[in-house]
Amino acid sequence: MSTRLFLILVFFLVASCSYMPEPLDNPQVSDLSKKCNEETWSYIWIFKKGEDLTASEKKCKIPIRRLDND
């Protein structure tokens, strides 16, 4: 009984990991430097391979608008 349960759990684990949404299905990671886009900043960007990264160091000089919850 426990072997069947284990096999069923392993099957669902493998099945749940088989689909990855974009850009994780074909990822490319940027170099470790601060880059910004219109909304946020990060040191690591994961984006779709073959496409240009929209974030750049140049955009970090533009102030990012923040939403205040006042």
PDB file of N, CA and C in Angstrom:
ATOM      1  N   MET A   1       0.825  -1.200   0.000  1.00  0.00           N
ATOM      2  CA  MET A   1       0.000   0.000   0.000  1.00  0.00           C
ATOM      3  C   MET A   1       0.871   1.265   0.000  1.00  0.00           C
ATOM      4  N   SER A   2       1.899   1.285   0.820  1.00  0.00           N
ATOM      5  CA  SER A   2       2.747   2.477   0.888  1.00  0.00           C
ATOM      6  C   SER A   2       3.550   2.659  -0.399  1.00  0.00           C
ATOM      7  N   THR A   3       3.869   1.562  -1.076  1.00  0.00           N
ATOM      8  CA  THR A   3       4.598   1.665  -2.340  1.00  0.00           C
ATOM      9  C   THR A   3       3.726   2.310  -3.406  1.00  0.00           C
ATOM     10  N   ARG A   4       2.462   1.948  -3.439  1.00  0.00           N
ATOM     11  CA  ARG A   4       1.532   2.564  -4.407  1.00  0.00           C
ATOM     12  C   ARG A   4       1.375   4.052  -4.145  1.00  0.00           C
ATOM     13  N   LEU A   5       1.213   4.390  -2.886  1.00  0.00           N
ATOM     14  CA  LEU A   5       1.066   5.802  -2.530  1.00  0.00           C
ATOM     15  C   LEU A   5       2.320   6.586  -2.921  1.00  0.00           C
ATOM     16  N   PHE A   6       3.481   6.020  -2.666  1.00  0.00           N
ATOM     17  CA  PHE A   6       4.734   6.654  -3.039  1.00  0.00           C
ATOM     18  C   PHE A   6       4.828   6.851  -4.555  1.00  0.00           C
ATOM     19  N   LEU A   7       4.463   5.836  -5.326  1.00  0.00           N
ATOM     20  CA  LEU A   7       4.516   5.944  -6.782  1.00  0.00           C
ATOM     21  C   LEU A   7       3.534   6.984  -7.316  1.00  0.00           C
ATOM     22  N   ILE A   8       2.371   7.050  -6.717  1.00  0.00           N
ATOM     23  CA  ILE A   8       1.390   8.066  -7.126  1.00  0.00           C
ATOM     24  C   ILE A   8       1.922   9.467  -6.827  1.00  0.00           C
ATOM     25  N   LEU A   9       2.522   9.659  -5.658  1.00  0.00           N
ATOM     26  CA  LEU A   9       3.083  10.966  -5.308  1.00  0.00           C
ATOM     27  C   LEU A   9       4.238  11.349  -6.230  1.00  0.00           C
ATOM     28  N   VAL A  10       5.086  10.391  -6.558  1.00  0.00           N
ATOM     29  CA  VAL A  10       6.189  10.656  -7.473  1.00  0.00           C
ATOM     30  C   VAL A  10       5.661  11.028  -8.853  1.00  0.00           C
ATOM     31  N   PHE A  11       4.637  10.349  -9.317  1.00  0.00           N
ATOM     32  CA  PHE A  11       4.038  10.662 -10.615  1.00  0.00           C
ATOM     33  C   PHE A  11       3.516  12.094 -10.638  1.00  0.00           C
ATOM     34  N   PHE A  12       2.774  12.502  -9.614  1.00  0.00           N
ATOM     35  CA  PHE A  12       2.241  13.859  -9.581  1.00  0.00           C
ATOM     36  C   PHE A  12       3.355  14.900  -9.444  1.00  0.00           C
ATOM     37  N   LEU A  13       4.405  14.578  -8.731  1.00  0.00           N
ATOM     38  CA  LEU A  13       5.527  15.493  -8.607  1.00  0.00           C
ATOM     39  C   LEU A  13       6.205  15.711  -9.953  1.00  0.00           C
ATOM     40  N   VAL A  14       6.448  14.647 -10.684  1.00  0.00           N
ATOM     41  CA  VAL A  14       7.078  14.756 -11.999  1.00  0.00           C
ATOM     42  C   VAL A  14       6.152  15.466 -12.984  1.00  0.00           C
ATOM     43  N   ALA A  15       4.865  15.163 -12.931  1.00  0.00           N
ATOM     44  CA  ALA A  15       3.908  15.794 -13.840  1.00  0.00           C
ATOM     45  C   ALA A  15       3.781  17.294 -13.561  1.00  0.00           C
ATOM     46  N   SER A  16       3.847  17.681 -12.312  1.00  0.00           N
ATOM     47  CA  SER A  16       3.698  19.104 -11.989  1.00  0.00           C
ATOM     48  C   SER A  16       4.932  19.910 -12.377  1.00  0.00           C
ATOM     49  N   CYS A  17       6.080  19.283 -12.477  1.00  0.00           N
ATOM     50  CA  CYS A  17       7.312  19.985 -12.832  1.00  0.00           C
ATOM     51  C   CYS A  17       7.597  19.967 -14.328  1.00  0.00           C
ATOM     52  N   SER A  18       6.739  19.357 -15.108  1.00  0.00           N
ATOM     53  CA  SER A  18       7.028  19.229 -16.531  1.00  0.00           C
ATOM     54  C   SER A  18       6.678  20.485 -17.327  1.00  0.00           C
ATOM     55  N   TYR A  19       5.789  21.345 -16.819  1.00  0.00           N
ATOM     56  CA  TYR A  19       5.414  22.574 -17.530  1.00  0.00           C
ATOM     57  C   TYR A  19       5.997  23.775 -16.803  1.00  0.00           C
ATOM     58  N   MET A  20       6.720  24.603 -17.528  1.00  0.00           N
ATOM     59  CA  MET A  20       7.262  25.836 -16.972  1.00  0.00           C
ATOM     60  C   MET A  20       6.762  27.003 -17.827  1.00  0.00           C
ATOM     61  N   PRO A  21       6.202  28.031 -17.208  1.00  0.00           N
ATOM     62  CA  PRO A  21       5.720  29.186 -17.970  1.00  0.00           C
ATOM     63  C   PRO A  21       6.879  30.015 -18.507  1.00  0.00           C
ATOM     64  N   GLU A  22       6.592  30.879 -19.480  1.00  0.00           N
ATOM     65  CA  GLU A  22       7.615  31.777 -20.021  1.00  0.00           C
ATOM     66  C   GLU A  22       8.044  32.748 -18.941  1.00  0.00           C
ATOM     67  N   PRO A  23       9.209  33.178 -18.825  1.00  0.00           N
ATOM     68  CA  PRO A  23      10.403  32.861 -19.596  1.00  0.00           C
ATOM     69  C   PRO A  23      11.165  31.672 -19.030  1.00  0.00           C
ATOM     70  N   LEU A  24      10.593  30.950 -18.075  1.00  0.00           N
ATOM     71  CA  LEU A  24      11.324  29.862 -17.432  1.00  0.00           C
ATOM     72  C   LEU A  24      11.453  28.619 -18.293  1.00  0.00           C
ATOM     73  N   ASP A  25      10.690  28.532 -19.391  1.00  0.00           N
ATOM     74  CA  ASP A  25      10.820  27.372 -20.265  1.00  0.00           C
ATOM     75  C   ASP A  25      12.047  27.484 -21.167  1.00  0.00           C
ATOM     76  N   ASN A  26      12.537  28.692 -21.407  1.00  0.00           N
ATOM     77  CA  ASN A  26      13.728  28.907 -22.225  1.00  0.00           C
ATOM     78  C   ASN A  26      14.467  30.121 -21.657  1.00  0.00           C
ATOM     79  N   PRO A  27      15.075  29.978 -20.467  1.00  0.00           N
ATOM     80  CA  PRO A  27      15.583  31.155 -19.760  1.00  0.00           C
ATOM     81  C   PRO A  27      16.976  31.595 -20.186  1.00  0.00           C
ATOM     82  N   GLN A  28      17.220  32.857 -19.945  1.00  0.00           N
ATOM     83  CA  GLN A  28      18.549  33.436 -20.034  1.00  0.00           C
ATOM     84  C   GLN A  28      18.663  34.386 -18.844  1.00  0.00           C
ATOM     85  N   VAL A  29      19.797  34.395 -18.189  1.00  0.00           N
ATOM     86  CA  VAL A  29      19.987  35.213 -16.997  1.00  0.00           C
ATOM     87  C   VAL A  29      20.970  36.327 -17.316  1.00  0.00           C
ATOM     88  N   SER A  30      20.632  37.540 -16.893  1.00  0.00           N
ATOM     89  CA  SER A  30      21.524  38.675 -17.136  1.00  0.00           C
ATOM     90  C   SER A  30      22.703  38.622 -16.181  1.00  0.00           C
ATOM     91  N   ASP A  31      23.704  39.466 -16.451  1.00  0.00           N
ATOM     92  CA  ASP A  31      24.859  39.523 -15.562  1.00  0.00           C
ATOM     93  C   ASP A  31      24.481  40.212 -14.250  1.00  0.00           C
ATOM     94  N   LEU A  32      25.328  40.084 -13.259  1.00  0.00           N
ATOM     95  CA  LEU A  32      25.030  40.611 -11.933  1.00  0.00           C
ATOM     96  C   LEU A  32      25.378  42.086 -11.834  1.00  0.00           C
ATOM     97  N   SER A  33      24.483  42.922 -12.305  1.00  0.00           N
ATOM     98  CA  SER A  33      24.627  44.368 -12.147  1.00  0.00           C
ATOM     99  C   SER A  33      23.223  44.948 -12.044  1.00  0.00           C
ATOM    100  N   LYS A  34      23.105  46.062 -11.375  1.00  0.00           N
ATOM    101  CA  LYS A  34      21.794  46.665 -11.150  1.00  0.00           C
ATOM    102  C   LYS A  34      21.231  47.189 -12.458  1.00  0.00           C
ATOM    103  N   LYS A  35      20.043  46.721 -12.796  1.00  0.00           N
ATOM    104  CA  LYS A  35      19.338  47.184 -13.986  1.00  0.00           C
ATOM    105  C   LYS A  35      17.912  47.541 -13.598  1.00  0.00           C
ATOM    106  N   CYS A  36      17.332  48.482 -14.314  1.00  0.00           N
ATOM    107  CA  CYS A  36      15.984  48.946 -14.016  1.00  0.00           C
ATOM    108  C   CYS A  36      15.136  48.918 -15.275  1.00  0.00           C
ATOM    109  N   ASN A  37      13.827  48.763 -15.094  1.00  0.00           N
ATOM    110  CA  ASN A  37      12.888  49.008 -16.175  1.00  0.00           C
ATOM    111  C   ASN A  37      11.928  50.088 -15.687  1.00  0.00           C
ATOM    112  N   GLU A  38      10.797  50.224 -16.283  1.00  0.00           N
ATOM    113  CA  GLU A  38       9.882  51.308 -15.917  1.00  0.00           C
ATOM    114  C   GLU A  38       9.246  51.101 -14.550  1.00  0.00           C
ATOM    115  N   GLU A  39       9.242  49.885 -14.030  1.00  0.00           N
ATOM    116  CA  GLU A  39       8.515  49.603 -12.800  1.00  0.00           C
ATOM    117  C   GLU A  39       9.394  49.245 -11.606  1.00  0.00           C
ATOM    118  N   THR A  40      10.498  48.568 -11.836  1.00  0.00           N
ATOM    119  CA  THR A  40      11.273  48.041 -10.721  1.00  0.00           C
ATOM    120  C   THR A  40      12.741  47.909 -11.080  1.00  0.00           C
ATOM    121  N   TRP A  41      13.551  47.519 -10.107  1.00  0.00           N
ATOM    122  CA  TRP A  41      14.971  47.277 -10.340  1.00  0.00           C
ATOM    123  C   TRP A  41      15.348  45.928  -9.756  1.00  0.00           C
ATOM    124  N   SER A  42      16.442  45.364 -10.262  1.00  0.00           N
ATOM    125  CA  SER A  42      16.930  44.078  -9.777  1.00  0.00           C
ATOM    126  C   SER A  42      18.378  43.898 -10.205  1.00  0.00           C
ATOM    127  N   TYR A  43      19.089  43.032  -9.509  1.00  0.00           N
ATOM    128  CA  TYR A  43      20.454  42.686  -9.886  1.00  0.00           C
ATOM    129  C   TYR A  43      20.485  41.469 -10.808  1.00  0.00           C
ATOM    130  N   ILE A  44      19.449  40.646 -10.767  1.00  0.00           N
ATOM    131  CA  ILE A  44      19.359  39.453 -11.613  1.00  0.00           C
ATOM    132  C   ILE A  44      18.040  39.512 -12.375  1.00  0.00           C
ATOM    133  N   TRP A  45      18.116  39.368 -13.694  1.00  0.00           N
ATOM    134  CA  TRP A  45      16.931  39.370 -14.539  1.00  0.00           C
ATOM    135  C   TRP A  45      16.878  38.052 -15.302  1.00  0.00           C
ATOM    136  N   ILE A  46      15.721  37.393 -15.270  1.00  0.00           N
ATOM    137  CA  ILE A  46      15.497  36.181 -16.058  1.00  0.00           C
ATOM    138  C   ILE A  46      14.572  36.572 -17.191  1.00  0.00           C
ATOM    139  N   PHE A  47      15.017  36.356 -18.413  1.00  0.00           N
ATOM    140  CA  PHE A  47      14.219  36.738 -19.572  1.00  0.00           C
ATOM    141  C   PHE A  47      14.317  35.661 -20.629  1.00  0.00           C
ATOM    142  N   LYS A  48      13.444  35.736 -21.627  1.00  0.00           N
ATOM    143  CA  LYS A  48      13.374  34.714 -22.663  1.00  0.00           C
ATOM    144  C   LYS A  48      14.603  34.786 -23.572  1.00  0.00           C
ATOM    145  N   LYS A  49      15.205  33.631 -23.796  1.00  0.00           N
ATOM    146  CA  LYS A  49      16.410  33.551 -24.624  1.00  0.00           C
ATOM    147  C   LYS A  49      16.081  33.976 -26.050  1.00  0.00           C
ATOM    148  N   GLY A  50      16.938  34.762 -26.644  1.00  0.00           N
ATOM    149  CA  GLY A  50      16.734  35.235 -28.008  1.00  0.00           C
ATOM    150  C   GLY A  50      16.062  36.589 -28.079  1.00  0.00           C
ATOM    151  N   GLU A  51      15.507  37.072 -26.964  1.00  0.00           N
ATOM    152  CA  GLU A  51      14.887  38.397 -26.931  1.00  0.00           C
ATOM    153  C   GLU A  51      15.783  39.341 -26.141  1.00  0.00           C
ATOM    154  N   ASP A  52      15.682  40.614 -26.443  1.00  0.00           N
ATOM    155  CA  ASP A  52      16.489  41.610 -25.743  1.00  0.00           C
ATOM    156  C   ASP A  52      15.899  41.891 -24.366  1.00  0.00           C
ATOM    157  N   LEU A  53      16.771  42.137 -23.420  1.00  0.00           N
ATOM    158  CA  LEU A  53      16.362  42.518 -22.076  1.00  0.00           C
ATOM    159  C   LEU A  53      15.939  43.980 -22.095  1.00  0.00           C
ATOM    160  N   THR A  54      14.753  44.272 -21.583  1.00  0.00           N
ATOM    161  CA  THR A  54      14.240  45.647 -21.601  1.00  0.00           C
ATOM    162  C   THR A  54      14.835  46.492 -20.480  1.00  0.00           C
ATOM    163  N   ALA A  55      15.338  45.880 -19.434  1.00  0.00           N
ATOM    164  CA  ALA A  55      15.944  46.625 -18.327  1.00  0.00           C
ATOM    165  C   ALA A  55      17.386  46.984 -18.670  1.00  0.00           C
ATOM    166  N   SER A  56      17.825  48.132 -18.171  1.00  0.00           N
ATOM    167  CA  SER A  56      19.203  48.555 -18.416  1.00  0.00           C
ATOM    168  C   SER A  56      19.703  49.415 -17.257  1.00  0.00           C
ATOM    169  N   GLU A  57      21.011  49.595 -17.204  1.00  0.00           N
ATOM    170  CA  GLU A  57      21.599  50.462 -16.184  1.00  0.00           C
ATOM    171  C   GLU A  57      21.231  51.914 -16.427  1.00  0.00           C
ATOM    172  N   LYS A  58      21.062  52.286 -17.674  1.00  0.00           N
ATOM    173  CA  LYS A  58      20.724  53.663 -18.046  1.00  0.00           C
ATOM    174  C   LYS A  58      19.354  54.062 -17.495  1.00  0.00           C
ATOM    175  N   LYS A  59      18.417  53.116 -17.454  1.00  0.00           N
ATOM    176  CA  LYS A  59      17.077  53.419 -16.950  1.00  0.00           C
ATOM    177  C   LYS A  59      17.053  53.593 -15.443  1.00  0.00           C
ATOM    178  N   CYS A  60      18.112  53.207 -14.738  1.00  0.00           N
ATOM    179  CA  CYS A  60      18.164  53.390 -13.281  1.00  0.00           C
ATOM    180  C   CYS A  60      18.310  54.854 -12.899  1.00  0.00           C
ATOM    181  N   LYS A  61      18.773  55.669 -13.818  1.00  0.00           N
ATOM    182  CA  LYS A  61      18.923  57.093 -13.537  1.00  0.00           C
ATOM    183  C   LYS A  61      17.583  57.826 -13.566  1.00  0.00           C
ATOM    184  N   ILE A  62      16.577  57.224 -14.190  1.00  0.00           N
ATOM    185  CA  ILE A  62      15.235  57.802 -14.223  1.00  0.00           C
ATOM    186  C   ILE A  62      14.531  57.430 -12.923  1.00  0.00           C
ATOM    187  N   PRO A  63      13.961  58.381 -12.191  1.00  0.00           N
ATOM    188  CA  PRO A  63      13.300  58.034 -10.928  1.00  0.00           C
ATOM    189  C   PRO A  63      12.096  57.115 -11.161  1.00  0.00           C
ATOM    190  N   ILE A  64      11.965  56.129 -10.301  1.00  0.00           N
ATOM    191  CA  ILE A  64      10.859  55.183 -10.374  1.00  0.00           C
ATOM    192  C   ILE A  64       9.685  55.744  -9.588  1.00  0.00           C
ATOM    193  N   ARG A  65       8.520  55.786 -10.194  1.00  0.00           N
ATOM    194  CA  ARG A  65       7.326  56.261  -9.501  1.00  0.00           C
ATOM    195  C   ARG A  65       6.892  55.232  -8.469  1.00  0.00           C
ATOM    196  N   ARG A  66       6.601  55.693  -7.290  1.00  0.00           N
ATOM    197  CA  ARG A  66       6.157  54.801  -6.217  1.00  0.00           C
ATOM    198  C   ARG A  66       4.725  55.133  -5.849  1.00  0.00           C
ATOM    199  N   LEU A  67       3.966  54.096  -5.548  1.00  0.00           N
ATOM    200  CA  LEU A  67       2.595  54.287  -5.120  1.00  0.00           C
ATOM    201  C   LEU A  67       2.569  54.334  -3.600  1.00  0.00           C
ATOM    202  N   ASP A  68       2.141  55.426  -3.040  1.00  0.00           N
ATOM    203  CA  ASP A  68       2.043  55.545  -1.577  1.00  0.00           C
ATOM    204  C   ASP A  68       0.669  55.106  -1.129  1.00  0.00           C
ATOM    205  N   ASN A  69       0.624  54.425  -0.013  1.00  0.00           N
ATOM    206  CA  ASN A  69      -0.645  53.929   0.525  1.00  0.00           C
ATOM    207  C   ASN A  69      -1.188  54.870   1.605  1.00  0.00           C
ATOM    208  N   ASP A  70      -0.979  56.154   1.464  1.00  0.00           N
ATOM    209  CA  ASP A  70      -1.464  57.115   2.458  1.00  0.00           C
ATOM    210  C   ASP A  70      -2.934  57.353   2.344  1.00  0.00           C
TER     211      ASP A  70
END
